Protein backbone atom coordinates (compact mmCIF):
# COMPACT_ATOMS: atom_id res chain seq x y z
CA MET A 1 99.80 98.30 144.95
CA GLY A 2 101.69 100.37 142.41
CA THR A 3 99.78 101.02 139.21
CA ASN A 4 102.59 102.15 136.88
CA ASP A 5 102.65 100.40 133.52
CA PRO A 6 106.00 98.55 133.30
CA GLY A 7 106.29 99.54 129.68
CA SER A 8 105.73 103.25 130.19
CA ALA A 9 108.32 105.99 130.42
CA ALA A 10 106.98 106.81 133.88
CA ALA A 11 107.32 103.28 135.27
CA LEU A 12 109.64 104.45 138.04
CA ASP A 13 107.87 107.68 138.99
CA GLY A 14 108.17 108.34 142.70
CA THR A 15 111.17 106.03 143.14
CA VAL A 16 114.84 106.63 143.89
CA ALA A 17 117.77 104.71 142.38
CA LEU A 18 121.41 104.74 143.44
CA VAL A 19 123.99 103.78 140.81
CA THR A 20 127.65 103.16 141.65
CA GLY A 21 130.43 103.58 139.11
CA ALA A 22 128.24 106.21 137.46
CA SER A 23 130.98 108.45 136.07
CA SER A 24 131.28 106.48 132.81
CA GLY A 25 130.20 103.44 130.84
CA ILE A 26 127.38 101.23 132.04
CA GLY A 27 126.86 103.21 135.23
CA GLU A 28 126.47 106.51 133.42
CA ALA A 29 124.13 104.97 130.84
CA THR A 30 122.08 103.26 133.56
CA ALA A 31 121.59 106.49 135.48
CA LEU A 32 120.28 108.16 132.32
CA ASP A 33 118.01 105.23 131.52
CA LEU A 34 116.48 105.05 135.00
CA ALA A 35 115.98 108.81 135.05
CA ASP A 36 114.18 108.56 131.70
CA ARG A 37 111.89 105.99 133.30
CA GLY A 38 110.99 108.43 136.08
CA ALA A 39 113.40 107.63 138.92
CA ALA A 40 115.33 110.23 140.85
CA VAL A 41 118.94 109.07 140.63
CA ALA A 42 121.85 109.30 143.04
CA VAL A 43 125.05 108.92 141.04
CA VAL A 44 128.09 107.67 142.93
CA ALA A 45 131.75 107.57 141.88
CA ARG A 46 135.09 109.15 142.66
CA ARG A 47 135.21 111.52 139.67
CA GLY A 48 133.02 114.39 140.79
CA ASP A 49 133.41 116.45 137.62
CA ARG A 50 132.00 113.65 135.51
CA LEU A 51 129.15 113.12 137.95
CA GLU A 52 128.26 116.81 137.77
CA ALA A 53 128.15 116.61 133.97
CA LEU A 54 125.94 113.52 134.16
CA ALA A 55 123.62 115.16 136.68
CA GLY A 56 123.33 118.14 134.37
CA ARG A 57 122.15 115.88 131.54
CA VAL A 58 119.55 114.29 133.81
CA ARG A 59 118.26 117.68 134.93
CA GLU A 60 118.16 119.00 131.36
CA GLY A 61 115.82 116.11 130.60
CA GLY A 62 113.52 117.10 133.45
CA GLY A 63 114.83 114.56 135.94
CA THR A 64 116.28 114.70 139.44
CA ALA A 65 119.90 113.80 140.11
CA LEU A 66 122.03 113.85 143.25
CA VAL A 67 125.82 113.81 142.95
CA VAL A 68 127.62 111.73 145.58
CA GLU A 69 131.39 111.78 145.22
CA ALA A 70 132.65 108.74 147.13
CA ASP A 71 135.09 105.84 147.09
CA ILE A 72 132.90 102.83 147.80
CA THR A 73 135.92 100.68 148.71
CA ASP A 74 135.99 102.69 151.95
CA GLU A 75 133.15 101.39 154.11
CA PRO A 76 132.30 104.70 155.83
CA GLN A 77 132.15 106.45 152.46
CA ALA A 78 129.91 103.74 151.01
CA ALA A 79 127.58 103.91 154.01
CA ASP A 80 127.55 107.71 153.88
CA ALA A 81 126.71 107.63 150.16
CA VAL A 82 123.60 105.56 150.84
CA ALA A 83 122.65 107.68 153.86
CA HIS A 84 123.09 110.90 151.87
CA CYS A 85 120.90 109.54 149.08
CA VAL A 86 118.08 108.68 151.49
CA ALA A 87 118.41 111.96 153.39
CA GLU A 88 118.27 114.09 150.24
CA LEU A 89 115.88 112.08 148.05
CA GLY A 90 113.73 110.56 150.77
CA ARG A 91 113.98 106.83 150.09
CA LEU A 92 115.81 104.13 148.12
CA ASP A 93 114.04 101.72 145.76
CA VAL A 94 116.79 100.52 143.42
CA LEU A 95 120.48 99.84 144.06
CA VAL A 96 122.65 99.20 141.02
CA ASN A 97 126.04 97.86 142.09
CA ASN A 98 127.88 98.65 138.90
CA ALA A 99 131.33 99.85 140.01
CA GLY A 100 133.92 97.37 138.86
CA MET A 101 137.51 96.80 137.78
CA MET A 102 138.96 94.25 135.35
CA LEU A 103 142.71 93.69 135.58
CA LEU A 104 143.68 90.57 133.66
CA GLY A 105 146.87 88.58 133.25
CA PRO A 106 148.62 85.40 134.44
CA ILE A 107 148.38 84.45 138.11
CA LEU A 108 152.07 83.59 138.22
CA ASP A 109 154.09 86.70 139.18
CA ALA A 110 151.00 88.91 139.03
CA PRO A 111 151.21 92.33 140.70
CA LEU A 112 149.41 91.74 144.00
CA ASP A 113 148.12 95.29 144.08
CA GLU A 114 145.98 94.50 141.01
CA TRP A 115 144.32 91.62 142.85
CA GLU A 116 143.75 93.77 145.91
CA ARG A 117 142.21 96.60 143.88
CA MET A 118 139.81 94.25 142.10
CA ILE A 119 138.71 92.59 145.32
CA GLN A 120 138.17 95.95 146.98
CA VAL A 121 136.03 97.35 144.15
CA ASN A 122 134.29 94.27 142.75
CA VAL A 123 133.59 92.54 146.06
CA MET A 124 134.01 94.77 149.09
CA GLY A 125 132.50 97.88 147.49
CA LEU A 126 129.47 95.88 146.41
CA LEU A 127 129.14 94.39 149.90
CA TYR A 128 129.46 97.74 151.65
CA CYS A 129 126.79 99.36 149.46
CA SER A 130 124.45 96.40 149.73
CA HIS A 131 124.79 96.25 153.51
CA ALA A 132 123.98 99.94 153.87
CA ALA A 133 121.13 99.91 151.34
CA LEU A 134 119.20 96.80 152.37
CA PRO A 135 117.23 98.31 155.30
CA HIS A 136 116.05 101.13 153.03
CA LEU A 137 115.18 98.75 150.19
CA LEU A 138 113.16 96.55 152.54
CA GLN A 139 111.27 99.64 153.70
CA ALA A 140 110.63 100.76 150.12
CA ALA A 141 109.25 97.32 149.26
CA GLU A 142 106.51 97.89 151.84
CA ASP A 143 105.49 101.28 150.45
CA ASP A 144 103.98 102.98 147.44
CA PRO A 145 104.41 103.35 144.56
CA ARG A 146 105.62 99.84 143.67
CA HIS A 147 105.65 97.67 146.82
CA VAL A 148 108.83 96.08 145.49
CA ALA A 149 112.52 97.05 145.48
CA ASP A 150 115.56 95.95 143.50
CA VAL A 151 119.24 95.16 143.87
CA VAL A 152 120.99 94.79 140.51
CA ASN A 153 124.56 93.48 140.65
CA VAL A 154 126.56 93.96 137.48
CA SER A 155 128.79 90.93 137.00
CA SER A 156 130.27 89.55 133.77
CA VAL A 157 130.50 86.52 131.54
CA ALA A 158 133.62 85.98 133.67
CA GLY A 159 131.28 85.14 136.53
CA ARG A 160 130.19 82.03 134.63
CA VAL A 161 133.32 80.76 132.88
CA ALA A 162 136.85 80.78 134.30
CA ARG A 163 139.58 81.45 131.73
CA ASN A 164 143.35 81.32 131.65
CA GLY A 165 144.53 84.86 132.34
CA SER A 166 141.41 85.97 134.19
CA GLY A 167 141.80 84.08 137.47
CA VAL A 168 141.25 86.77 140.08
CA TYR A 169 138.73 88.67 137.97
CA ASN A 170 136.88 85.35 137.65
CA LEU A 171 137.11 84.92 141.42
CA THR A 172 135.50 88.29 142.10
CA LYS A 173 132.68 87.83 139.60
CA HIS A 174 131.91 84.26 140.65
CA GLY A 175 131.74 85.63 144.18
CA VAL A 176 129.26 88.30 143.13
CA GLY A 177 127.07 85.60 141.62
CA ALA A 178 127.13 83.47 144.77
CA PHE A 179 126.41 86.44 147.01
CA SER A 180 123.54 87.55 144.77
CA GLU A 181 121.82 84.16 144.85
CA SER A 182 122.18 83.83 148.62
CA LEU A 183 120.84 87.35 149.16
CA ARG A 184 117.99 86.66 146.75
CA GLN A 185 116.86 83.69 148.81
CA GLU A 186 117.05 85.77 151.99
CA VAL A 187 114.98 88.79 150.90
CA THR A 188 112.80 87.72 147.98
CA GLY A 189 109.94 86.81 150.34
CA ARG A 190 109.91 90.47 151.39
CA HIS A 191 109.72 91.64 147.77
CA VAL A 192 113.28 92.82 147.37
CA ARG A 193 114.36 91.36 144.04
CA VAL A 194 118.04 90.55 143.47
CA SER A 195 119.23 90.40 139.89
CA LEU A 196 122.56 89.53 138.31
CA VAL A 197 123.46 91.11 134.96
CA GLU A 198 126.36 89.51 133.11
CA PRO A 199 127.61 91.54 130.14
CA GLY A 200 129.96 90.19 127.53
CA ALA A 201 132.29 92.54 125.69
CA VAL A 202 131.10 96.15 126.04
CA GLU A 203 132.69 99.27 124.60
CA THR A 204 133.65 101.04 127.85
CA GLU A 205 136.73 102.18 129.78
CA LEU A 206 136.85 98.90 131.74
CA ALA A 207 139.72 97.28 129.86
CA GLY A 208 141.76 100.46 129.64
CA HIS A 209 143.33 100.07 133.11
CA ASN A 210 145.27 96.95 132.12
CA ARG A 211 149.00 96.82 131.52
CA PRO A 212 149.92 97.50 127.84
CA GLU A 213 150.78 93.87 127.06
CA ILE A 214 147.49 92.65 128.54
CA LEU A 215 145.54 95.33 126.72
CA GLU A 216 147.04 94.12 123.45
CA GLN A 217 145.87 90.57 124.20
CA ILE A 218 142.35 91.83 124.92
CA ARG A 219 142.31 93.72 121.63
CA GLY A 220 143.44 90.58 119.83
CA ARG A 221 140.67 88.49 121.35
CA PHE A 222 137.84 90.92 120.65
CA GLY A 223 139.25 92.90 117.75
CA ASP A 224 136.72 91.66 115.19
CA VAL A 225 133.73 91.50 117.55
CA GLU A 226 131.13 94.24 117.33
CA ARG A 227 130.92 95.08 121.01
CA LEU A 228 127.86 96.03 122.96
CA HIS A 229 127.17 99.64 123.87
CA ALA A 230 126.77 100.69 127.49
CA SER A 231 123.26 101.90 126.72
CA GLU A 232 122.26 98.34 125.75
CA ILE A 233 123.23 97.00 129.17
CA ALA A 234 121.48 99.97 130.76
CA ASP A 235 118.34 99.06 128.82
CA ALA A 236 118.55 95.52 130.21
CA ILE A 237 118.83 96.89 133.75
CA GLY A 238 115.88 99.19 133.11
CA TYR A 239 113.87 96.22 131.90
CA ILE A 240 114.68 94.22 135.03
CA VAL A 241 113.61 96.88 137.51
CA THR A 242 110.37 97.76 135.72
CA ARG A 243 108.84 94.28 135.71
CA PRO A 244 105.56 93.80 137.59
CA ARG A 245 105.93 93.11 141.31
CA HIS A 246 105.44 89.35 140.90
CA VAL A 247 108.13 89.02 138.18
CA ALA A 248 111.81 88.69 139.11
CA ILE A 249 114.54 88.50 136.49
CA ASN A 250 117.21 86.82 138.60
CA GLU A 251 119.96 86.45 136.01
CA LEU A 252 120.55 88.00 132.60
CA LEU A 253 123.52 87.17 130.34
CA VAL A 254 124.02 89.62 127.45
CA ARG A 255 126.73 88.92 124.88
CA PRO A 256 127.54 90.50 121.53
CA THR A 257 126.17 88.24 118.82
CA GLU A 258 129.69 87.54 117.51
CA GLN A 259 131.23 86.73 120.91
CA GLN A 260 131.78 83.00 121.20
CA GLY A 261 132.90 82.69 124.82
């Protein structure tokens, strides 16, 4: 069995983590956090320049980082990203499905391309990466150093509560929750833990892709709320994947203190 102290900075020594959506926000912060805990990290996103900068920060801190420029909404690219990670770093112990898109607004007369983009990133990208990663995670769960592996799916408060103006975003995040629980039941007996992290309002680029009128509504709703920082969600993910082998944190909801809904 693995002997690493879950509370130590070296809790993930000898392991490999793959983080999608790693070019900014929660993904970037999570890659740094897992590297600080001893994992070699494969960072996946479309913006290669940002990934290279992130990898440089990991390496400056003494860690190992692999840049994988890929669009995970394309199944071959998602599968190749996982395969490249395993080929270069030797294994895969932790998959963090973080890549996501939030495009809000009324359902009536909504631009259909916004729905399609969200479904491709939030659902299909997560499915493609999970499908490719699972055989490697199951293998890692049988091996040193931990004899356990982890899938962490980053969802949202929107995966719990449906709201007017968030219909298709709600659909994607509720779907992530359902998939996560079904997968958990399927693989938990083989010591692959599946965890769902549901952030509330976080100060990231996520909202910035909305149409101007929608962005104004978002600002109005959360204008007075002190939002979470990406590093605080990354810390929660780091906590989840460093629990002892017999402890599974299946669901974690993290809201700003001032956020009511």
